[in-house]
N, C-alpha and C. Protein backbone atom coordinates (compact mmCIF):
# COMPACT_ATOMS: atom_id res chain seq x y z
N MET A 1 43.27 -1.88 7.01
CA MET A 1 42.15 -2.39 7.55
C MET A 1 42.41 -4.03 7.58
N ASN A 2 41.82 -4.62 8.65
CA ASN A 2 42.06 -6.02 8.78
C ASN A 2 40.77 -6.79 8.89
N PRO A 3 40.65 -7.97 8.43
CA PRO A 3 39.36 -8.66 8.53
C PRO A 3 38.83 -8.76 10.12
N ILE A 4 37.60 -8.88 10.45
CA ILE A 4 37.22 -8.96 11.74
C ILE A 4 36.43 -10.17 11.89
N SER A 5 36.44 -10.90 12.91
CA SER A 5 35.50 -11.89 13.19
C SER A 5 35.17 -11.76 14.64
N ILE A 6 33.95 -11.61 14.91
CA ILE A 6 33.60 -11.50 16.51
C ILE A 6 32.58 -12.76 16.72
N PRO A 7 32.93 -13.58 17.91
CA PRO A 7 32.31 -14.68 18.30
C PRO A 7 30.90 -14.31 18.75
N ASN A 8 29.95 -15.40 18.82
CA ASN A 8 28.70 -14.92 19.03
C ASN A 8 28.48 -14.28 20.48
N ASN A 9 29.33 -14.34 21.43
CA ASN A 9 29.29 -13.84 22.63
C ASN A 9 30.34 -12.65 22.85
N GLY A 10 30.88 -12.23 21.52
CA GLY A 10 31.77 -11.17 21.67
C GLY A 10 31.16 -9.73 21.61
N GLY A 11 32.07 -8.86 21.77
CA GLY A 11 31.65 -7.35 21.67
C GLY A 11 31.63 -6.72 23.04
N LYS A 12 31.54 -5.29 22.96
CA LYS A 12 31.40 -4.59 24.12
C LYS A 12 30.16 -4.33 24.58
N SER A 13 29.89 -4.80 25.88
CA SER A 13 28.54 -4.82 26.32
C SER A 13 28.24 -3.34 27.03
N VAL A 14 27.00 -2.75 26.68
CA VAL A 14 26.82 -1.47 27.20
C VAL A 14 25.22 -1.60 27.51
N ASN A 15 24.67 -0.81 28.49
CA ASN A 15 23.31 -0.74 28.87
C ASN A 15 22.85 0.43 28.65
N ILE A 16 21.79 0.62 27.86
CA ILE A 16 21.19 1.96 27.61
C ILE A 16 19.86 1.99 28.03
N LEU A 17 19.52 2.67 29.12
CA LEU A 17 18.18 2.67 29.71
C LEU A 17 17.64 1.41 29.84
N GLY A 18 18.46 0.53 30.43
CA GLY A 18 17.86 -0.83 30.81
C GLY A 18 17.89 -1.79 29.56
N ILE A 19 18.40 -1.43 28.31
CA ILE A 19 18.43 -2.23 27.27
C ILE A 19 19.83 -2.72 27.10
N PRO A 20 20.17 -4.06 27.22
CA PRO A 20 21.42 -4.52 26.85
C PRO A 20 21.80 -4.47 25.47
N MET A 21 23.05 -3.97 25.12
CA MET A 21 23.48 -3.82 23.80
C MET A 21 24.91 -4.36 23.74
N LEU A 22 25.30 -4.80 22.46
CA LEU A 22 26.65 -5.14 22.24
C LEU A 22 27.10 -4.41 21.12
N ILE A 23 28.34 -3.63 21.34
CA ILE A 23 28.89 -3.14 20.14
C ILE A 23 29.79 -4.24 19.57
N ARG A 24 29.37 -4.89 18.49
CA ARG A 24 29.96 -5.95 17.93
C ARG A 24 31.22 -5.53 17.01
N ILE A 25 31.15 -4.50 16.32
CA ILE A 25 32.28 -3.84 15.53
C ILE A 25 32.37 -2.56 15.77
N HIS A 26 33.42 -1.93 16.28
CA HIS A 26 33.62 -0.54 16.49
C HIS A 26 34.24 0.00 15.28
N GLY A 27 33.94 1.29 15.02
CA GLY A 27 34.35 2.03 13.88
C GLY A 27 35.83 2.16 13.74
N ARG A 28 36.50 2.18 14.92
CA ARG A 28 38.03 2.42 15.01
C ARG A 28 38.69 1.17 14.31
N ASP A 29 37.95 0.04 14.17
CA ASP A 29 38.34 -1.24 13.64
C ASP A 29 38.06 -1.29 12.05
N THR A 30 37.30 -0.31 11.61
CA THR A 30 36.91 -0.30 10.19
C THR A 30 37.38 1.00 9.50
N GLY A 31 38.21 1.54 10.14
CA GLY A 31 38.73 2.95 9.43
C GLY A 31 37.48 3.91 9.30
N GLY A 32 36.55 3.76 10.19
CA GLY A 32 35.43 4.61 10.17
C GLY A 32 34.30 4.37 9.16
N VAL A 33 34.43 3.20 8.46
CA VAL A 33 33.55 2.84 7.53
C VAL A 33 32.19 2.44 8.04
N LEU A 34 32.18 1.67 9.10
CA LEU A 34 30.93 1.30 9.70
C LEU A 34 31.25 0.78 11.11
N SER A 35 30.06 0.58 11.92
CA SER A 35 30.06 0.06 13.11
C SER A 35 28.89 -0.96 13.19
N VAL A 36 28.78 -1.79 13.97
CA VAL A 36 27.71 -2.93 14.17
C VAL A 36 27.33 -3.01 15.55
N VAL A 37 25.95 -2.78 15.87
CA VAL A 37 25.58 -2.95 17.29
C VAL A 37 24.39 -3.87 17.30
N GLU A 38 24.34 -4.61 18.21
CA GLU A 38 23.18 -5.62 18.49
C GLU A 38 22.41 -5.22 19.70
N SER A 39 21.22 -5.13 19.59
CA SER A 39 20.22 -4.77 20.70
C SER A 39 19.49 -5.99 21.26
N HIS A 40 19.40 -6.08 22.44
CA HIS A 40 18.47 -7.15 23.16
C HIS A 40 17.37 -6.41 23.71
N ASP A 41 16.21 -6.61 23.23
CA ASP A 41 15.14 -5.88 23.40
C ASP A 41 14.13 -6.57 24.31
N VAL A 42 13.42 -5.79 25.18
CA VAL A 42 12.44 -6.37 26.10
C VAL A 42 11.01 -5.95 25.58
N PRO A 43 10.03 -6.70 25.87
CA PRO A 43 8.72 -6.33 25.34
C PRO A 43 8.35 -4.82 25.73
N GLY A 44 7.97 -4.17 24.66
CA GLY A 44 7.47 -2.75 24.93
C GLY A 44 8.77 -1.79 24.66
N GLY A 45 9.85 -2.29 24.63
CA GLY A 45 11.19 -1.46 24.57
C GLY A 45 11.43 -0.91 23.13
N GLY A 46 12.24 0.15 23.17
CA GLY A 46 12.68 0.70 21.88
C GLY A 46 12.87 2.18 22.13
N PRO A 47 13.58 2.77 21.11
CA PRO A 47 14.07 4.12 21.39
C PRO A 47 12.88 5.18 20.78
N PRO A 48 12.93 6.29 21.55
CA PRO A 48 11.92 7.29 21.20
C PRO A 48 12.21 7.78 19.71
N PRO A 49 11.20 8.33 18.96
CA PRO A 49 11.47 8.80 17.51
C PRO A 49 12.64 9.65 17.55
N HIS A 50 13.46 9.55 16.48
CA HIS A 50 14.65 10.20 16.39
C HIS A 50 15.19 10.30 14.89
N ILE A 51 16.07 11.22 14.71
CA ILE A 51 16.77 11.53 13.44
C ILE A 51 18.22 11.48 13.62
N HIS A 52 18.79 10.54 12.75
CA HIS A 52 20.31 10.68 12.84
C HIS A 52 20.81 11.72 11.63
N HIS A 53 21.67 12.67 11.95
CA HIS A 53 21.86 13.64 10.91
C HIS A 53 23.29 13.26 10.25
N ARG A 54 23.95 12.22 10.60
CA ARG A 54 25.26 11.89 10.08
C ARG A 54 25.25 10.52 9.58
N GLU A 55 24.50 9.53 10.07
CA GLU A 55 24.51 8.06 9.74
C GLU A 55 23.42 7.65 9.16
N ASP A 56 23.56 6.49 8.36
CA ASP A 56 22.43 5.69 7.87
C ASP A 56 22.35 4.42 8.80
N GLU A 57 21.19 3.92 8.97
CA GLU A 57 21.25 2.65 9.75
C GLU A 57 20.47 1.60 9.10
N THR A 58 20.98 0.38 8.93
CA THR A 58 20.46 -0.78 8.49
C THR A 58 20.24 -1.91 9.55
N PHE A 59 19.05 -2.10 9.65
CA PHE A 59 18.53 -3.06 10.86
C PHE A 59 18.26 -4.44 10.25
N GLN A 60 18.78 -5.47 10.93
CA GLN A 60 18.31 -6.68 10.63
C GLN A 60 17.61 -7.50 11.72
N ILE A 61 16.50 -7.78 11.60
CA ILE A 61 15.81 -8.61 12.66
C ILE A 61 16.35 -9.92 12.96
N LEU A 62 16.76 -10.13 14.15
CA LEU A 62 17.37 -11.51 14.43
C LEU A 62 16.47 -12.42 15.05
N GLU A 63 15.56 -11.98 16.05
CA GLU A 63 14.72 -12.64 16.94
C GLU A 63 13.43 -11.76 17.31
N GLY A 64 12.19 -12.27 17.26
CA GLY A 64 11.17 -11.50 17.68
C GLY A 64 10.49 -10.75 16.58
N GLU A 65 9.45 -10.03 17.16
CA GLU A 65 8.55 -9.12 16.23
C GLU A 65 8.77 -7.57 16.71
N TYR A 66 8.97 -6.84 15.77
CA TYR A 66 9.21 -5.49 15.98
C TYR A 66 8.11 -4.47 15.20
N GLU A 67 7.64 -3.45 15.79
CA GLU A 67 6.90 -2.40 14.87
C GLU A 67 7.90 -1.34 14.76
N PHE A 68 8.23 -1.06 13.39
CA PHE A 68 8.97 0.04 13.08
C PHE A 68 8.19 1.14 12.47
N THR A 69 8.72 2.35 12.60
CA THR A 69 8.08 3.48 11.81
C THR A 69 9.34 4.32 11.41
N VAL A 70 9.14 4.29 9.92
CA VAL A 70 10.24 4.92 9.28
C VAL A 70 9.58 5.97 8.11
N ALA A 71 9.99 7.22 8.38
CA ALA A 71 9.47 8.18 7.49
C ALA A 71 7.85 8.21 7.49
N GLY A 72 7.42 8.03 8.64
CA GLY A 72 5.95 8.12 8.92
C GLY A 72 5.15 6.89 8.56
N LYS A 73 5.88 5.94 8.04
CA LYS A 73 5.26 4.47 7.64
C LYS A 73 5.48 3.59 8.75
N SER A 74 4.36 2.96 9.31
CA SER A 74 4.73 1.79 10.22
C SER A 74 4.49 0.49 9.67
N PHE A 75 5.20 -0.60 10.16
CA PHE A 75 5.05 -1.90 9.55
C PHE A 75 5.60 -2.80 10.74
N ILE A 76 5.27 -4.07 10.54
CA ILE A 76 5.69 -5.16 11.38
C ILE A 76 7.02 -5.80 10.84
N ALA A 77 7.96 -5.96 11.54
CA ALA A 77 9.15 -6.56 11.16
C ALA A 77 9.50 -7.83 11.92
N ARG A 78 9.60 -8.92 11.18
CA ARG A 78 9.88 -10.21 11.78
C ARG A 78 11.24 -10.81 11.51
N PRO A 79 11.67 -11.89 12.08
CA PRO A 79 13.09 -12.20 11.86
C PRO A 79 13.42 -12.33 10.41
N GLY A 80 14.48 -11.96 9.94
CA GLY A 80 14.92 -11.90 8.64
C GLY A 80 14.75 -10.71 7.89
N THR A 81 13.85 -9.96 8.48
CA THR A 81 13.59 -8.59 7.68
C THR A 81 14.77 -7.64 7.98
N THR A 82 14.92 -6.90 6.79
CA THR A 82 15.97 -5.93 6.82
C THR A 82 15.35 -4.43 6.52
N ILE A 83 15.72 -3.53 7.30
CA ILE A 83 15.17 -2.15 7.27
C ILE A 83 16.40 -1.20 7.15
N PHE A 84 16.17 -0.28 6.01
CA PHE A 84 17.25 0.63 5.71
C PHE A 84 16.57 2.08 6.24
N ALA A 85 17.27 2.82 7.22
CA ALA A 85 16.64 4.13 7.67
C ALA A 85 17.65 5.17 7.27
N PRO A 86 17.75 5.81 6.28
CA PRO A 86 18.75 6.80 5.87
C PRO A 86 18.69 7.91 6.94
N ARG A 87 19.95 8.59 6.97
CA ARG A 87 20.05 9.75 7.60
C ARG A 87 19.17 10.73 7.32
N GLY A 88 18.74 11.55 8.28
CA GLY A 88 17.90 12.79 8.23
C GLY A 88 16.37 12.30 8.05
N ILE A 89 16.03 11.02 8.08
CA ILE A 89 14.70 10.55 8.13
C ILE A 89 14.22 10.00 9.56
N PRO A 90 13.07 10.63 9.95
CA PRO A 90 12.62 10.02 11.48
C PRO A 90 12.40 8.59 11.36
N HIS A 91 12.78 8.02 12.43
CA HIS A 91 12.33 6.63 12.78
C HIS A 91 12.41 6.26 14.13
N THR A 92 11.77 5.08 14.44
CA THR A 92 11.78 4.55 15.68
C THR A 92 11.28 3.18 15.64
N TYR A 93 11.35 2.27 16.56
CA TYR A 93 10.87 0.85 16.69
C TYR A 93 10.57 0.62 18.03
N ARG A 94 9.59 -0.37 18.17
CA ARG A 94 9.24 -0.93 19.38
C ARG A 94 9.14 -2.40 19.36
N TYR A 95 9.68 -3.04 20.36
CA TYR A 95 9.58 -4.57 20.39
C TYR A 95 8.15 -5.00 20.91
N ILE A 96 7.58 -5.71 19.99
CA ILE A 96 6.13 -6.15 20.29
C ILE A 96 5.93 -7.53 20.73
N GLY A 97 7.12 -8.54 20.72
CA GLY A 97 7.11 -9.80 21.14
C GLY A 97 6.94 -10.08 22.53
N GLN A 98 6.69 -11.22 22.80
CA GLN A 98 6.46 -11.57 24.25
C GLN A 98 7.93 -11.99 25.04
N THR A 99 8.83 -12.62 24.25
CA THR A 99 10.04 -13.11 24.82
C THR A 99 11.15 -12.09 24.26
N PRO A 100 12.33 -11.99 24.90
CA PRO A 100 13.37 -10.93 24.43
C PRO A 100 13.59 -11.08 22.88
N GLY A 101 13.71 -9.86 22.42
CA GLY A 101 14.01 -9.81 20.82
C GLY A 101 15.47 -9.36 20.57
N ARG A 102 15.97 -9.59 19.39
CA ARG A 102 17.22 -8.99 19.05
C ARG A 102 17.20 -8.48 17.75
N LEU A 103 18.03 -7.59 17.54
CA LEU A 103 18.19 -6.94 16.24
C LEU A 103 19.65 -6.49 16.06
N MET A 104 20.13 -6.45 14.90
CA MET A 104 21.44 -6.12 14.57
C MET A 104 21.32 -4.69 13.88
N CYS A 105 22.25 -3.85 14.04
CA CYS A 105 22.24 -2.66 13.32
C CYS A 105 23.54 -2.18 12.87
N VAL A 106 23.61 -1.91 11.52
CA VAL A 106 24.85 -1.60 10.84
C VAL A 106 24.75 -0.15 10.64
N ILE A 107 25.73 0.75 11.15
CA ILE A 107 25.77 2.12 11.04
C ILE A 107 26.83 2.61 10.33
N THR A 108 26.39 3.35 9.26
CA THR A 108 27.39 3.91 8.39
C THR A 108 27.38 5.42 8.10
N PRO A 109 28.35 6.20 8.32
CA PRO A 109 29.73 5.78 8.63
C PRO A 109 29.59 5.51 10.20
N SER A 110 30.71 5.01 10.72
CA SER A 110 30.63 4.69 12.09
C SER A 110 30.82 6.13 12.85
N GLY A 111 30.84 5.83 14.11
CA GLY A 111 30.89 7.16 15.02
C GLY A 111 29.85 7.31 16.09
N PHE A 112 28.63 6.76 15.72
CA PHE A 112 27.46 6.74 16.67
C PHE A 112 27.52 5.68 17.85
N GLU A 113 28.51 4.79 17.57
CA GLU A 113 28.74 3.77 18.60
C GLU A 113 29.29 4.59 19.91
N GLY A 114 29.86 5.72 19.74
CA GLY A 114 30.36 6.52 20.81
C GLY A 114 29.23 7.01 21.66
N PHE A 115 28.05 7.36 21.08
CA PHE A 115 27.03 7.77 21.99
C PHE A 115 26.58 6.62 22.89
N PHE A 116 26.50 5.46 22.40
CA PHE A 116 26.21 4.31 23.17
C PHE A 116 27.18 4.10 24.36
N GLU A 117 28.53 4.27 23.92
CA GLU A 117 29.50 4.19 25.05
C GLU A 117 29.30 5.18 26.01
N GLU A 118 29.12 6.40 25.61
CA GLU A 118 29.01 7.62 26.56
C GLU A 118 27.84 7.36 27.48
N ILE A 119 26.74 7.06 26.88
CA ILE A 119 25.41 6.80 27.68
C ILE A 119 25.66 5.48 28.61
N GLY A 120 26.30 4.49 28.11
CA GLY A 120 26.43 3.34 28.80
C GLY A 120 27.48 3.50 29.95
N ALA A 121 28.26 4.32 29.92
CA ALA A 121 29.15 4.57 31.12
C ALA A 121 28.43 5.37 32.32
N MET A 122 27.33 5.73 31.99
CA MET A 122 26.52 6.64 33.00
C MET A 122 25.87 5.54 33.75
N SER A 123 25.48 5.96 35.14
CA SER A 123 24.62 5.13 36.07
C SER A 123 23.24 5.11 35.46
N PRO A 124 22.54 4.11 35.70
CA PRO A 124 20.95 4.20 35.51
C PRO A 124 20.24 5.55 35.86
N GLN A 125 20.65 6.03 37.01
CA GLN A 125 20.10 7.29 37.57
C GLN A 125 20.58 8.41 36.67
N GLN A 126 21.82 8.48 36.37
CA GLN A 126 22.22 9.51 35.39
C GLN A 126 21.65 9.48 34.00
N GLN A 127 21.44 8.25 33.55
CA GLN A 127 20.81 8.04 32.34
C GLN A 127 19.44 8.69 32.37
N GLN A 128 18.78 8.92 33.44
CA GLN A 128 17.56 9.46 33.42
C GLN A 128 17.42 11.02 33.45
N ASP A 129 18.64 11.64 33.50
CA ASP A 129 18.88 13.06 33.29
C ASP A 129 18.75 13.51 31.87
N ILE A 130 17.47 13.57 31.45
CA ILE A 130 17.04 13.82 30.09
C ILE A 130 18.01 15.12 29.49
N PRO A 131 17.99 16.31 30.08
CA PRO A 131 18.87 17.26 29.55
C PRO A 131 20.34 16.89 29.20
N ARG A 132 20.85 16.01 30.10
CA ARG A 132 22.14 15.72 29.91
C ARG A 132 22.24 14.59 28.72
N VAL A 133 21.39 13.68 28.65
CA VAL A 133 21.28 12.93 27.38
C VAL A 133 21.12 13.53 26.08
N MET A 134 20.09 14.55 26.14
CA MET A 134 20.09 15.33 25.00
C MET A 134 21.16 16.08 24.57
N GLU A 135 22.09 16.64 25.51
CA GLU A 135 23.26 17.30 25.08
C GLU A 135 24.18 16.23 24.58
N ILE A 136 24.32 15.18 25.11
CA ILE A 136 25.19 14.10 24.44
C ILE A 136 24.73 13.77 23.13
N ALA A 137 23.36 13.51 22.87
CA ALA A 137 22.88 13.04 21.61
C ALA A 137 23.31 14.21 20.63
N LYS A 138 23.24 15.52 20.98
CA LYS A 138 23.38 16.58 20.07
C LYS A 138 24.85 16.55 19.44
N LYS A 139 25.70 15.99 20.43
CA LYS A 139 27.08 15.95 20.04
C LYS A 139 27.48 14.91 19.25
N PHE A 140 26.39 13.90 18.91
CA PHE A 140 26.53 12.78 18.07
C PHE A 140 25.51 12.97 16.81
N GLY A 141 25.03 14.08 16.73
CA GLY A 141 24.11 14.38 15.54
C GLY A 141 22.85 13.75 15.54
N LEU A 142 22.39 13.55 16.87
CA LEU A 142 21.11 12.65 17.02
C LEU A 142 20.15 13.77 17.65
N GLU A 143 19.01 13.76 16.96
CA GLU A 143 17.91 14.79 17.31
C GLU A 143 16.72 13.74 17.66
N PHE A 144 16.18 14.00 19.08
CA PHE A 144 14.97 13.10 19.50
C PHE A 144 13.82 13.99 19.19
N LEU A 145 12.79 13.15 18.79
CA LEU A 145 11.41 13.94 18.32
C LEU A 145 10.43 13.66 19.33
N PRO A 146 9.36 14.45 19.40
CA PRO A 146 8.29 14.19 20.50
C PRO A 146 7.69 12.89 20.03
N PRO A 147 7.28 12.13 20.98
CA PRO A 147 6.53 10.89 20.67
C PRO A 147 5.22 11.21 19.82
N ARG A 148 4.81 10.10 19.01
CA ARG A 148 3.66 10.21 18.21
C ARG A 148 2.48 10.55 19.18
N GLY A 149 1.65 11.71 18.85
CA GLY A 149 0.55 12.00 19.47
C GLY A 149 0.79 13.14 20.49
N ALA A 150 2.07 13.46 20.71
CA ALA A 150 2.32 14.49 21.74
C ALA A 150 2.23 15.77 21.19
């Protein structure tokens, strides 16, 4: 394995349901140890509640305010906050700031960045094909949960 340095504008850009993301470090470059993804979130944006069955996620808030729910507990996360969401634990977040927000996510072990690549390769219309997205998610050990209150 070699050291990795990614410039502030580096990484592979993908768009997931209108959310620009950067795969900063790919797992193939770390021997599968980890991958790093940066999300650029819009007000109200964020993933539906979900569980990763293979990976742990560590989030670092870079800009803006987020509402996180991890294992049923909700809290506000501001810049500098670090959140650990272990595999098997339901979690979600929603960006609650008024200007675009950014967070960094370290995924251990790597592999889940492949989900972002596969979804990002789809057109915006194809990304709306929920059964297809669910099938791809299952392949990556991702389980979507019903939204709160549903």
